[in-house]
Amino acid sequence: MARKDKKKSREEQIREEIRRVKLPRKNQTLGVLERRLGGSRAEVRCLDGKTRICRIPGRLKRRLWVREGNIVLIEPWELSGDEKGDIIYKYSKAQVQLLKRKGYLKNLDEFDAF
């Protein structure tokens, strides 16, 4: 009896991730996570030139694990949006390569970390 695996192969998972790349909308911006501060907070240097203290919202706390150097999608707060924001999404390596090819990460070369 042959067992059917319902798990997707790694290649299929990567192709699916690339198809579903979340792009910045309206006031959202991309950023590089510089430092984790604890308590689901992190310091993120955004591509608009500002450094923000960002938090991971409660609905994403258990699912979104971030480290220094990750490329993340940030939504600045309405009040004090230049200083604070929420981390909405973390990009995988394959998605970062796609964003570079599409031109969304042009300013990324200016950062010291990369």
PDB file of N, CA and C in Angstrom:
ATOM      1  N   MET A   1       0.838  -1.182   0.000  1.00  0.00           N
ATOM      2  CA  MET A   1       0.000   0.000   0.000  1.00  0.00           C
ATOM      3  C   MET A   1       0.879   1.240   0.000  1.00  0.00           C
ATOM      4  N   ALA A   2       0.668   2.071  -0.968  1.00  0.00           N
ATOM      5  CA  ALA A   2       1.435   3.305  -1.070  1.00  0.00           C
ATOM      6  C   ALA A   2       0.705   4.411  -0.311  1.00  0.00           C
ATOM      7  N   ARG A   3       1.467   5.115   0.473  1.00  0.00           N
ATOM      8  CA  ARG A   3       0.893   6.201   1.266  1.00  0.00           C
ATOM      9  C   ARG A   3       0.988   7.505   0.478  1.00  0.00           C
ATOM     10  N   LYS A   4      -0.096   8.232   0.426  1.00  0.00           N
ATOM     11  CA  LYS A   4      -0.082   9.527  -0.261  1.00  0.00           C
ATOM     12  C   LYS A   4       0.285  10.606   0.740  1.00  0.00           C
ATOM     13  N   ASP A   5       1.339  11.330   0.438  1.00  0.00           N
ATOM     14  CA  ASP A   5       1.730  12.444   1.300  1.00  0.00           C
ATOM     15  C   ASP A   5       0.956  13.674   0.889  1.00  0.00           C
ATOM     16  N   LYS A   6       0.313  14.280   1.856  1.00  0.00           N
ATOM     17  CA  LYS A   6      -0.434  15.498   1.576  1.00  0.00           C
ATOM     18  C   LYS A   6       0.440  16.726   1.754  1.00  0.00           C
ATOM     19  N   LYS A   7       1.661  16.514   2.273  1.00  0.00           N
ATOM     20  CA  LYS A   7       2.575  17.642   2.439  1.00  0.00           C
ATOM     21  C   LYS A   7       3.118  18.069   1.090  1.00  0.00           C
ATOM     22  N   LYS A   8       3.330  19.342   0.943  1.00  0.00           N
ATOM     23  CA  LYS A   8       3.896  19.865  -0.292  1.00  0.00           C
ATOM     24  C   LYS A   8       5.407  19.788  -0.224  1.00  0.00           C
ATOM     25  N   SER A   9       6.016  19.595  -1.370  1.00  0.00           N
ATOM     26  CA  SER A   9       7.472  19.584  -1.405  1.00  0.00           C
ATOM     27  C   SER A   9       7.975  21.007  -1.166  1.00  0.00           C
ATOM     28  N   ARG A  10       9.228  21.131  -0.821  1.00  0.00           N
ATOM     29  CA  ARG A  10       9.818  22.446  -0.537  1.00  0.00           C
ATOM     30  C   ARG A  10       9.736  23.358  -1.759  1.00  0.00           C
ATOM     31  N   GLU A  11       9.943  22.799  -2.951  1.00  0.00           N
ATOM     32  CA  GLU A  11       9.857  23.600  -4.178  1.00  0.00           C
ATOM     33  C   GLU A  11       8.462  24.178  -4.369  1.00  0.00           C
ATOM     34  N   GLU A  12       7.443  23.353  -4.126  1.00  0.00           N
ATOM     35  CA  GLU A  12       6.067  23.830  -4.271  1.00  0.00           C
ATOM     36  C   GLU A  12       5.757  24.933  -3.266  1.00  0.00           C
ATOM     37  N   GLN A  13       6.287  24.798  -2.047  1.00  0.00           N
ATOM     38  CA  GLN A  13       6.074  25.832  -1.037  1.00  0.00           C
ATOM     39  C   GLN A  13       6.716  27.143  -1.454  1.00  0.00           C
ATOM     40  N   ILE A  14       7.924  27.093  -2.002  1.00  0.00           N
ATOM     41  CA  ILE A  14       8.622  28.309  -2.435  1.00  0.00           C
ATOM     42  C   ILE A  14       7.870  28.972  -3.583  1.00  0.00           C
ATOM     43  N   ARG A  15       7.416  28.165  -4.552  1.00  0.00           N
ATOM     44  CA  ARG A  15       6.659  28.736  -5.669  1.00  0.00           C
ATOM     45  C   ARG A  15       5.384  29.417  -5.181  1.00  0.00           C
ATOM     46  N   GLU A  16       4.723  28.807  -4.207  1.00  0.00           N
ATOM     47  CA  GLU A  16       3.497  29.388  -3.667  1.00  0.00           C
ATOM     48  C   GLU A  16       3.788  30.691  -2.924  1.00  0.00           C
ATOM     49  N   GLU A  17       4.902  30.735  -2.168  1.00  0.00           N
ATOM     50  CA  GLU A  17       5.281  31.958  -1.453  1.00  0.00           C
ATOM     51  C   GLU A  17       5.547  33.090  -2.438  1.00  0.00           C
ATOM     52  N   ILE A  18       6.237  32.786  -3.531  1.00  0.00           N
ATOM     53  CA  ILE A  18       6.579  33.825  -4.508  1.00  0.00           C
ATOM     54  C   ILE A  18       5.319  34.355  -5.180  1.00  0.00           C
ATOM     55  N   ARG A  19       4.359  33.476  -5.416  1.00  0.00           N
ATOM     56  CA  ARG A  19       3.117  33.930  -6.036  1.00  0.00           C
ATOM     57  C   ARG A  19       2.349  34.881  -5.140  1.00  0.00           C
ATOM     58  N   ARG A  20       2.485  34.716  -3.844  1.00  0.00           N
ATOM     59  CA  ARG A  20       1.680  35.484  -2.892  1.00  0.00           C
ATOM     60  C   ARG A  20       2.514  36.519  -2.147  1.00  0.00           C
ATOM     61  N   VAL A  21       3.320  37.270  -2.829  1.00  0.00           N
ATOM     62  CA  VAL A  21       4.134  38.286  -2.162  1.00  0.00           C
ATOM     63  C   VAL A  21       3.250  39.461  -1.807  1.00  0.00           C
ATOM     64  N   LYS A  22       3.279  39.842  -0.538  1.00  0.00           N
ATOM     65  CA  LYS A  22       2.473  40.956  -0.044  1.00  0.00           C
ATOM     66  C   LYS A  22       3.238  42.247  -0.324  1.00  0.00           C
ATOM     67  N   LEU A  23       2.655  43.149  -1.078  1.00  0.00           N
ATOM     68  CA  LEU A  23       3.305  44.409  -1.438  1.00  0.00           C
ATOM     69  C   LEU A  23       2.774  45.540  -0.566  1.00  0.00           C
ATOM     70  N   PRO A  24       3.591  46.584  -0.357  1.00  0.00           N
ATOM     71  CA  PRO A  24       3.143  47.716   0.468  1.00  0.00           C
ATOM     72  C   PRO A  24       1.987  48.473  -0.191  1.00  0.00           C
ATOM     73  N   ARG A  25       0.989  48.824   0.597  1.00  0.00           N
ATOM     74  CA  ARG A  25      -0.155  49.612   0.133  1.00  0.00           C
ATOM     75  C   ARG A  25      -0.178  50.936   0.871  1.00  0.00           C
ATOM     76  N   LYS A  26      -0.896  51.885   0.354  1.00  0.00           N
ATOM     77  CA  LYS A  26      -1.121  53.208   0.947  1.00  0.00           C
ATOM     78  C   LYS A  26       0.072  53.716   1.749  1.00  0.00           C
ATOM     79  N   ASN A  27      -0.034  53.706   3.092  1.00  0.00           N
ATOM     80  CA  ASN A  27       1.034  54.285   3.910  1.00  0.00           C
ATOM     81  C   ASN A  27       2.002  53.224   4.447  1.00  0.00           C
ATOM     82  N   GLN A  28       1.875  51.972   4.031  1.00  0.00           N
ATOM     83  CA  GLN A  28       2.779  50.921   4.495  1.00  0.00           C
ATOM     84  C   GLN A  28       4.155  51.090   3.862  1.00  0.00           C
ATOM     85  N   THR A  29       5.179  50.604   4.550  1.00  0.00           N
ATOM     86  CA  THR A  29       6.533  50.696   4.047  1.00  0.00           C
ATOM     87  C   THR A  29       7.320  49.442   4.411  1.00  0.00           C
ATOM     88  N   LEU A  30       8.386  49.212   3.698  1.00  0.00           N
ATOM     89  CA  LEU A  30       9.261  48.081   3.994  1.00  0.00           C
ATOM     90  C   LEU A  30      10.354  48.537   4.940  1.00  0.00           C
ATOM     91  N   GLY A  31      10.909  47.607   5.710  1.00  0.00           N
ATOM     92  CA  GLY A  31      11.973  47.955   6.637  1.00  0.00           C
ATOM     93  C   GLY A  31      12.835  46.760   6.982  1.00  0.00           C
ATOM     94  N   VAL A  32      13.982  47.055   7.600  1.00  0.00           N
ATOM     95  CA  VAL A  32      14.907  46.023   8.054  1.00  0.00           C
ATOM     96  C   VAL A  32      14.900  46.031   9.570  1.00  0.00           C
ATOM     97  N   LEU A  33      14.678  44.881  10.178  1.00  0.00           N
ATOM     98  CA  LEU A  33      14.652  44.776  11.623  1.00  0.00           C
ATOM     99  C   LEU A  33      16.088  44.895  12.140  1.00  0.00           C
ATOM    100  N   GLU A  34      16.344  45.907  12.933  1.00  0.00           N
ATOM    101  CA  GLU A  34      17.690  46.155  13.433  1.00  0.00           C
ATOM    102  C   GLU A  34      17.946  45.528  14.784  1.00  0.00           C
ATOM    103  N   ARG A  35      16.956  45.621  15.684  1.00  0.00           N
ATOM    104  CA  ARG A  35      17.189  45.177  17.053  1.00  0.00           C
ATOM    105  C   ARG A  35      15.875  44.752  17.678  1.00  0.00           C
ATOM    106  N   ARG A  36      15.885  43.612  18.360  1.00  0.00           N
ATOM    107  CA  ARG A  36      14.713  43.188  19.118  1.00  0.00           C
ATOM    108  C   ARG A  36      14.804  43.788  20.508  1.00  0.00           C
ATOM    109  N   LEU A  37      13.696  44.331  20.985  1.00  0.00           N
ATOM    110  CA  LEU A  37      13.697  45.033  22.259  1.00  0.00           C
ATOM    111  C   LEU A  37      12.994  44.252  23.361  1.00  0.00           C
ATOM    112  N   GLY A  38      12.325  43.160  23.028  1.00  0.00           N
ATOM    113  CA  GLY A  38      11.594  42.385  24.018  1.00  0.00           C
ATOM    114  C   GLY A  38      10.156  42.845  24.125  1.00  0.00           C
ATOM    115  N   GLY A  39       9.305  41.981  24.636  1.00  0.00           N
ATOM    116  CA  GLY A  39       7.896  42.346  24.782  1.00  0.00           C
ATOM    117  C   GLY A  39       7.207  42.554  23.453  1.00  0.00           C
ATOM    118  N   SER A  40       7.556  41.770  22.446  1.00  0.00           N
ATOM    119  CA  SER A  40       7.019  41.845  21.080  1.00  0.00           C
ATOM    120  C   SER A  40       7.271  43.208  20.427  1.00  0.00           C
ATOM    121  N   ARG A  41       8.353  43.859  20.808  1.00  0.00           N
ATOM    122  CA  ARG A  41       8.731  45.128  20.194  1.00  0.00           C
ATOM    123  C   ARG A  41      10.090  44.999  19.522  1.00  0.00           C
ATOM    124  N   ALA A  42      10.309  45.825  18.511  1.00  0.00           N
ATOM    125  CA  ALA A  42      11.572  45.795  17.777  1.00  0.00           C
ATOM    126  C   ALA A  42      11.856  47.176  17.196  1.00  0.00           C
ATOM    127  N   GLU A  43      13.126  47.438  16.962  1.00  0.00           N
ATOM    128  CA  GLU A  43      13.544  48.672  16.303  1.00  0.00           C
ATOM    129  C   GLU A  43      13.748  48.352  14.825  1.00  0.00           C
ATOM    130  N   VAL A  44      13.049  49.075  13.959  1.00  0.00           N
ATOM    131  CA  VAL A  44      13.074  48.805  12.524  1.00  0.00           C
ATOM    132  C   VAL A  44      13.504  50.056  11.784  1.00  0.00           C
ATOM    133  N   ARG A  45      14.487  49.905  10.884  1.00  0.00           N
ATOM    134  CA  ARG A  45      14.884  51.013  10.013  1.00  0.00           C
ATOM    135  C   ARG A  45      14.111  50.876   8.713  1.00  0.00           C
ATOM    136  N   CYS A  46      13.223  51.819   8.456  1.00  0.00           N
ATOM    137  CA  CYS A  46      12.329  51.757   7.306  1.00  0.00           C
ATOM    138  C   CYS A  46      12.994  52.358   6.077  1.00  0.00           C
ATOM    139  N   LEU A  47      12.504  51.970   4.905  1.00  0.00           N
ATOM    140  CA  LEU A  47      13.083  52.463   3.657  1.00  0.00           C
ATOM    141  C   LEU A  47      12.715  53.911   3.368  1.00  0.00           C
ATOM    142  N   ASP A  48      11.806  54.495   4.150  1.00  0.00           N
ATOM    143  CA  ASP A  48      11.498  55.914   3.988  1.00  0.00           C
ATOM    144  C   ASP A  48      12.474  56.782   4.787  1.00  0.00           C
ATOM    145  N   GLY A  49      13.496  56.166   5.395  1.00  0.00           N
ATOM    146  CA  GLY A  49      14.546  56.917   6.081  1.00  0.00           C
ATOM    147  C   GLY A  49      14.332  57.102   7.569  1.00  0.00           C
ATOM    148  N   LYS A  50      13.265  56.568   8.122  1.00  0.00           N
ATOM    149  CA  LYS A  50      12.967  56.752   9.544  1.00  0.00           C
ATOM    150  C   LYS A  50      13.208  55.454  10.298  1.00  0.00           C
ATOM    151  N   THR A  51      13.586  55.588  11.562  1.00  0.00           N
ATOM    152  CA  THR A  51      13.718  54.429  12.440  1.00  0.00           C
ATOM    153  C   THR A  51      12.536  54.440  13.400  1.00  0.00           C
ATOM    154  N   ARG A  52      11.811  53.332  13.428  1.00  0.00           N
ATOM    155  CA  ARG A  52      10.596  53.249  14.236  1.00  0.00           C
ATOM    156  C   ARG A  52      10.700  52.124  15.256  1.00  0.00           C
ATOM    157  N   ILE A  53      10.033  52.325  16.390  1.00  0.00           N
ATOM    158  CA  ILE A  53       9.834  51.264  17.361  1.00  0.00           C
ATOM    159  C   ILE A  53       8.530  50.585  16.957  1.00  0.00           C
ATOM    160  N   CYS A  54       8.616  49.332  16.543  1.00  0.00           N
ATOM    161  CA  CYS A  54       7.444  48.631  16.033  1.00  0.00           C
ATOM    162  C   CYS A  54       7.098  47.461  16.936  1.00  0.00           C
ATOM    163  N   ARG A  55       5.827  47.136  16.973  1.00  0.00           N
ATOM    164  CA  ARG A  55       5.382  46.013  17.773  1.00  0.00           C
ATOM    165  C   ARG A  55       4.722  44.988  16.867  1.00  0.00           C
ATOM    166  N   ILE A  56       4.675  43.763  17.350  1.00  0.00           N
ATOM    167  CA  ILE A  56       3.951  42.711  16.652  1.00  0.00           C
ATOM    168  C   ILE A  56       2.572  42.646  17.290  1.00  0.00           C
ATOM    169  N   PRO A  57       1.502  42.899  16.533  1.00  0.00           N
ATOM    170  CA  PRO A  57       0.162  42.900  17.106  1.00  0.00           C
ATOM    171  C   PRO A  57      -0.201  41.543  17.706  1.00  0.00           C
ATOM    172  N   GLY A  58      -1.118  41.546  18.652  1.00  0.00           N
ATOM    173  CA  GLY A  58      -1.507  40.335  19.364  1.00  0.00           C
ATOM    174  C   GLY A  58      -1.960  39.201  18.470  1.00  0.00           C
ATOM    175  N   ARG A  59      -2.647  39.509  17.376  1.00  0.00           N
ATOM    176  CA  ARG A  59      -3.152  38.456  16.497  1.00  0.00           C
ATOM    177  C   ARG A  59      -2.034  37.728  15.764  1.00  0.00           C
ATOM    178  N   LEU A  60      -0.828  38.346  15.689  1.00  0.00           N
ATOM    179  CA  LEU A  60       0.308  37.739  14.985  1.00  0.00           C
ATOM    180  C   LEU A  60       1.416  37.262  15.915  1.00  0.00           C
ATOM    181  N   LYS A  61       1.286  37.500  17.206  1.00  0.00           N
ATOM    182  CA  LYS A  61       2.366  37.217  18.156  1.00  0.00           C
ATOM    183  C   LYS A  61       2.886  35.787  18.076  1.00  0.00           C
ATOM    184  N   ARG A  62       2.006  34.832  18.006  1.00  0.00           N
ATOM    185  CA  ARG A  62       2.413  33.426  18.016  1.00  0.00           C
ATOM    186  C   ARG A  62       2.900  32.948  16.649  1.00  0.00           C
ATOM    187  N   ARG A  63       2.458  33.597  15.577  1.00  0.00           N
ATOM    188  CA  ARG A  63       2.777  33.132  14.225  1.00  0.00           C
ATOM    189  C   ARG A  63       3.968  33.825  13.594  1.00  0.00           C
ATOM    190  N   LEU A  64       4.322  35.005  14.053  1.00  0.00           N
ATOM    191  CA  LEU A  64       5.347  35.805  13.387  1.00  0.00           C
ATOM    192  C   LEU A  64       6.599  35.862  14.245  1.00  0.00           C
ATOM    193  N   TRP A  65       7.633  35.142  13.829  1.00  0.00           N
ATOM    194  CA  TRP A  65       8.906  35.124  14.548  1.00  0.00           C
ATOM    195  C   TRP A  65       9.919  35.894  13.713  1.00  0.00           C
ATOM    196  N   VAL A  66      10.495  36.932  14.300  1.00  0.00           N
ATOM    197  CA  VAL A  66      11.420  37.788  13.558  1.00  0.00           C
ATOM    198  C   VAL A  66      12.793  37.811  14.232  1.00  0.00           C
ATOM    199  N   ARG A  67      13.798  38.098  13.421  1.00  0.00           N
ATOM    200  CA  ARG A  67      15.168  38.230  13.904  1.00  0.00           C
ATOM    201  C   ARG A  67      15.810  39.446  13.255  1.00  0.00           C
ATOM    202  N   GLU A  68      16.994  39.815  13.770  1.00  0.00           N
ATOM    203  CA  GLU A  68      17.710  40.939  13.193  1.00  0.00           C
ATOM    204  C   GLU A  68      18.033  40.637  11.736  1.00  0.00           C
ATOM    205  N   GLY A  69      17.861  41.639  10.884  1.00  0.00           N
ATOM    206  CA  GLY A  69      18.169  41.484   9.468  1.00  0.00           C
ATOM    207  C   GLY A  69      16.987  41.058   8.616  1.00  0.00           C
ATOM    208  N   ASN A  70      15.862  40.674   9.220  1.00  0.00           N
ATOM    209  CA  ASN A  70      14.686  40.300   8.440  1.00  0.00           C
ATOM    210  C   ASN A  70      14.087  41.519   7.755  1.00  0.00           C
ATOM    211  N   ILE A  71      13.577  41.307   6.551  1.00  0.00           N
ATOM    212  CA  ILE A  71      12.835  42.345   5.834  1.00  0.00           C
ATOM    213  C   ILE A  71      11.372  42.191   6.228  1.00  0.00           C
ATOM    214  N   VAL A  72      10.774  43.271   6.704  1.00  0.00           N
ATOM    215  CA  VAL A  72       9.399  43.223   7.200  1.00  0.00           C
ATOM    216  C   VAL A  72       8.569  44.341   6.576  1.00  0.00           C
ATOM    217  N   LEU A  73       7.262  44.158   6.619  1.00  0.00           N
ATOM    218  CA  LEU A  73       6.310  45.160   6.148  1.00  0.00           C
ATOM    219  C   LEU A  73       5.766  45.891   7.371  1.00  0.00           C
ATOM    220  N   ILE A  74       5.860  47.213   7.351  1.00  0.00           N
ATOM    221  CA  ILE A  74       5.495  48.054   8.493  1.00  0.00           C
ATOM    222  C   ILE A  74       4.286  48.914   8.140  1.00  0.00           C
ATOM    223  N   GLU A  75       3.383  49.035   9.101  1.00  0.00           N
ATOM    224  CA  GLU A  75       2.290  49.998   8.968  1.00  0.00           C
ATOM    225  C   GLU A  75       2.432  51.025  10.081  1.00  0.00           C
ATOM    226  N   PRO A  76       2.831  52.260   9.747  1.00  0.00           N
ATOM    227  CA  PRO A  76       2.986  53.295  10.784  1.00  0.00           C
ATOM    228  C   PRO A  76       1.655  53.610  11.449  1.00  0.00           C
ATOM    229  N   TRP A  77       1.731  53.989  12.716  1.00  0.00           N
ATOM    230  CA  TRP A  77       0.531  54.371  13.449  1.00  0.00           C
ATOM    231  C   TRP A  77       0.016  55.707  12.931  1.00  0.00           C
ATOM    232  N   GLU A  78      -1.281  55.946  13.132  1.00  0.00           N
ATOM    233  CA  GLU A  78      -1.865  57.229  12.711  1.00  0.00           C
ATOM    234  C   GLU A  78      -1.305  58.365  13.555  1.00  0.00           C
ATOM    235  N   LEU A  79      -1.226  58.154  14.869  1.00  0.00           N
ATOM    236  CA  LEU A  79      -0.621  59.147  15.754  1.00  0.00           C
ATOM    237  C   LEU A  79       0.821  58.731  16.009  1.00  0.00           C
ATOM    238  N   SER A  80       1.725  59.659  15.958  1.00  0.00           N
ATOM    239  CA  SER A  80       3.162  59.419  16.114  1.00  0.00           C
ATOM    240  C   SER A  80       3.661  58.345  15.152  1.00  0.00           C
ATOM    241  N   GLY A  81       3.219  58.418  13.904  1.00  0.00           N
ATOM    242  CA  GLY A  81       3.583  57.452  12.877  1.00  0.00           C
ATOM    243  C   GLY A  81       5.033  57.514  12.457  1.00  0.00           C
ATOM    244  N   ASP A  82       5.715  58.650  12.748  1.00  0.00           N
ATOM    245  CA  ASP A  82       7.128  58.752  12.402  1.00  0.00           C
ATOM    246  C   ASP A  82       8.004  58.005  13.404  1.00  0.00           C
ATOM    247  N   GLU A  83       7.446  57.682  14.566  1.00  0.00           N
ATOM    248  CA  GLU A  83       8.228  57.037  15.616  1.00  0.00           C
ATOM    249  C   GLU A  83       7.795  55.603  15.892  1.00  0.00           C
ATOM    250  N   LYS A  84       6.514  55.266  15.623  1.00  0.00           N
ATOM    251  CA  LYS A  84       5.988  53.959  16.000  1.00  0.00           C
ATOM    252  C   LYS A  84       5.201  53.329  14.862  1.00  0.00           C
ATOM    253  N   GLY A  85       5.082  51.988  14.923  1.00  0.00           N
ATOM    254  CA  GLY A  85       4.333  51.278  13.900  1.00  0.00           C
ATOM    255  C   GLY A  85       4.111  49.828  14.287  1.00  0.00           C
ATOM    256  N   ASP A  86       3.438  49.097  13.403  1.00  0.00           N
ATOM    257  CA  ASP A  86       3.161  47.677  13.608  1.00  0.00           C
ATOM    258  C   ASP A  86       3.868  46.864  12.526  1.00  0.00           C
ATOM    259  N   ILE A  87       4.401  45.723  12.926  1.00  0.00           N
ATOM    260  CA  ILE A  87       4.977  44.781  11.961  1.00  0.00           C
ATOM    261  C   ILE A  87       3.835  43.889  11.486  1.00  0.00           C
ATOM    262  N   ILE A  88       3.573  43.933  10.186  1.00  0.00           N
ATOM    263  CA  ILE A  88       2.435  43.215   9.628  1.00  0.00           C
ATOM    264  C   ILE A  88       2.855  41.878   9.019  1.00  0.00           C
ATOM    265  N   TYR A  89       4.050  41.841   8.397  1.00  0.00           N
ATOM    266  CA  TYR A  89       4.432  40.670   7.617  1.00  0.00           C
ATOM    267  C   TYR A  89       5.941  40.542   7.573  1.00  0.00           C
ATOM    268  N   LYS A  90       6.440  39.301   7.576  1.00  0.00           N
ATOM    269  CA  LYS A  90       7.870  39.034   7.417  1.00  0.00           C
ATOM    270  C   LYS A  90       8.066  38.311   6.093  1.00  0.00           C
ATOM    271  N   TYR A  91       9.039  38.775   5.296  1.00  0.00           N
ATOM    272  CA  TYR A  91       9.307  38.185   3.991  1.00  0.00           C
ATOM    273  C   TYR A  91      10.328  37.061   4.102  1.00  0.00           C
ATOM    274  N   SER A  92      10.121  35.997   3.315  1.00  0.00           N
ATOM    275  CA  SER A  92      11.086  34.902   3.252  1.00  0.00           C
ATOM    276  C   SER A  92      12.222  35.292   2.293  1.00  0.00           C
ATOM    277  N   LYS A  93      13.262  34.480   2.223  1.00  0.00           N
ATOM    278  CA  LYS A  93      14.402  34.777   1.352  1.00  0.00           C
ATOM    279  C   LYS A  93      13.988  34.855  -0.109  1.00  0.00           C
ATOM    280  N   ALA A  94      13.147  33.930  -0.543  1.00  0.00           N
ATOM    281  CA  ALA A  94      12.688  33.922  -1.936  1.00  0.00           C
ATOM    282  C   ALA A  94      11.866  35.178  -2.245  1.00  0.00           C
ATOM    283  N   GLN A  95      11.048  35.596  -1.296  1.00  0.00           N
ATOM    284  CA  GLN A  95      10.233  36.797  -1.508  1.00  0.00           C
ATOM    285  C   GLN A  95      11.102  38.047  -1.544  1.00  0.00           C
ATOM    286  N   VAL A  96      12.176  38.092  -0.731  1.00  0.00           N
ATOM    287  CA  VAL A  96      13.084  39.241  -0.739  1.00  0.00           C
ATOM    288  C   VAL A  96      13.770  39.348  -2.096  1.00  0.00           C
ATOM    289  N   GLN A  97      14.191  38.211  -2.661  1.00  0.00           N
ATOM    290  CA  GLN A  97      14.819  38.231  -3.982  1.00  0.00           C
ATOM    291  C   GLN A  97      13.852  38.769  -5.034  1.00  0.00           C
ATOM    292  N   LEU A  98      12.585  38.384  -4.943  1.00  0.00           N
ATOM    293  CA  LEU A  98      11.582  38.875  -5.888  1.00  0.00           C
ATOM    294  C   LEU A  98      11.379  40.383  -5.728  1.00  0.00           C
ATOM    295  N   LEU A  99      11.330  40.857  -4.481  1.00  0.00           N
ATOM    296  CA  LEU A  99      11.169  42.296  -4.238  1.00  0.00           C
ATOM    297  C   LEU A  99      12.353  43.075  -4.792  1.00  0.00           C
ATOM    298  N   LYS A 100      13.560  42.523  -4.685  1.00  0.00           N
ATOM    299  CA  LYS A 100      14.746  43.191  -5.245  1.00  0.00           C
ATOM    300  C   LYS A 100      14.641  43.289  -6.756  1.00  0.00           C
ATOM    301  N   ARG A 101      14.208  42.194  -7.394  1.00  0.00           N
ATOM    302  CA  ARG A 101      14.072  42.202  -8.862  1.00  0.00           C
ATOM    303  C   ARG A 101      13.018  43.190  -9.320  1.00  0.00           C
ATOM    304  N   LYS A 102      11.928  43.309  -8.552  1.00  0.00           N
ATOM    305  CA  LYS A 102      10.837  44.221  -8.918  1.00  0.00           C
ATOM    306  C   LYS A 102      11.180  45.679  -8.634  1.00  0.00           C
ATOM    307  N   GLY A 103      12.228  45.933  -7.825  1.00  0.00           N
ATOM    308  CA  GLY A 103      12.646  47.299  -7.572  1.00  0.00           C
ATOM    309  C   GLY A 103      12.099  47.921  -6.302  1.00  0.00           C
ATOM    310  N   TYR A 104      11.475  47.124  -5.438  1.00  0.00           N
ATOM    311  CA  TYR A 104      10.932  47.659  -4.192  1.00  0.00           C
ATOM    312  C   TYR A 104      12.019  47.911  -3.156  1.00  0.00           C
ATOM    313  N   LEU A 105      13.168  47.255  -3.291  1.00  0.00           N
ATOM    314  CA  LEU A 105      14.241  47.376  -2.304  1.00  0.00           C
ATOM    315  C   LEU A 105      15.450  48.106  -2.878  1.00  0.00           C
ATOM    316  N   LYS A 106      15.218  49.152  -3.640  1.00  0.00           N
ATOM    317  CA  LYS A 106      16.315  49.922  -4.236  1.00  0.00           C
ATOM    318  C   LYS A 106      17.191  50.572  -3.171  1.00  0.00           C
ATOM    319  N   ASN A 107      16.581  51.111  -2.126  1.00  0.00           N
ATOM    320  CA  ASN A 107      17.312  51.833  -1.084  1.00  0.00           C
ATOM    321  C   ASN A 107      17.986  50.899  -0.088  1.00  0.00           C
ATOM    322  N   LEU A 108      17.846  49.606  -0.267  1.00  0.00           N
ATOM    323  CA  LEU A 108      18.393  48.643   0.683  1.00  0.00           C
ATOM    324  C   LEU A 108      19.919  48.674   0.710  1.00  0.00           C
ATOM    325  N   ASP A 109      20.556  49.054  -0.393  1.00  0.00           N
ATOM    326  CA  ASP A 109      22.019  49.101  -0.456  1.00  0.00           C
ATOM    327  C   ASP A 109      22.599  50.156   0.473  1.00  0.00           C
ATOM    328  N   GLU A 110      21.824  51.144   0.842  1.00  0.00           N
ATOM    329  CA  GLU A 110      22.313  52.217   1.718  1.00  0.00           C
ATOM    330  C   GLU A 110      22.524  51.741   3.146  1.00  0.00           C
ATOM    331  N   PHE A 111      21.864  50.645   3.532  1.00  0.00           N
ATOM    332  CA  PHE A 111      21.986  50.158   4.907  1.00  0.00           C
ATOM    333  C   PHE A 111      23.317  49.462   5.113  1.00  0.00           C
ATOM    334  N   ASP A 112      23.849  49.590   6.310  1.00  0.00           N
ATOM    335  CA  ASP A 112      25.128  48.976   6.646  1.00  0.00           C
ATOM    336  C   ASP A 112      25.023  47.456   6.739  1.00  0.00           C
ATOM    337  N   ALA A 113      23.865  46.944   7.121  1.00  0.00           N
ATOM    338  CA  ALA A 113      23.717  45.518   7.388  1.00  0.00           C
ATOM    339  C   ALA A 113      23.787  44.681   6.102  1.00  0.00           C
ATOM    340  N   PHE A 114      23.525  45.288   4.965  1.00  0.00           N
ATOM    341  CA  PHE A 114      23.490  44.488   3.731  1.00  0.00           C
ATOM    342  C   PHE A 114      24.542  44.892   2.769  1.00  0.00           C
TER     343      PHE A 114
END
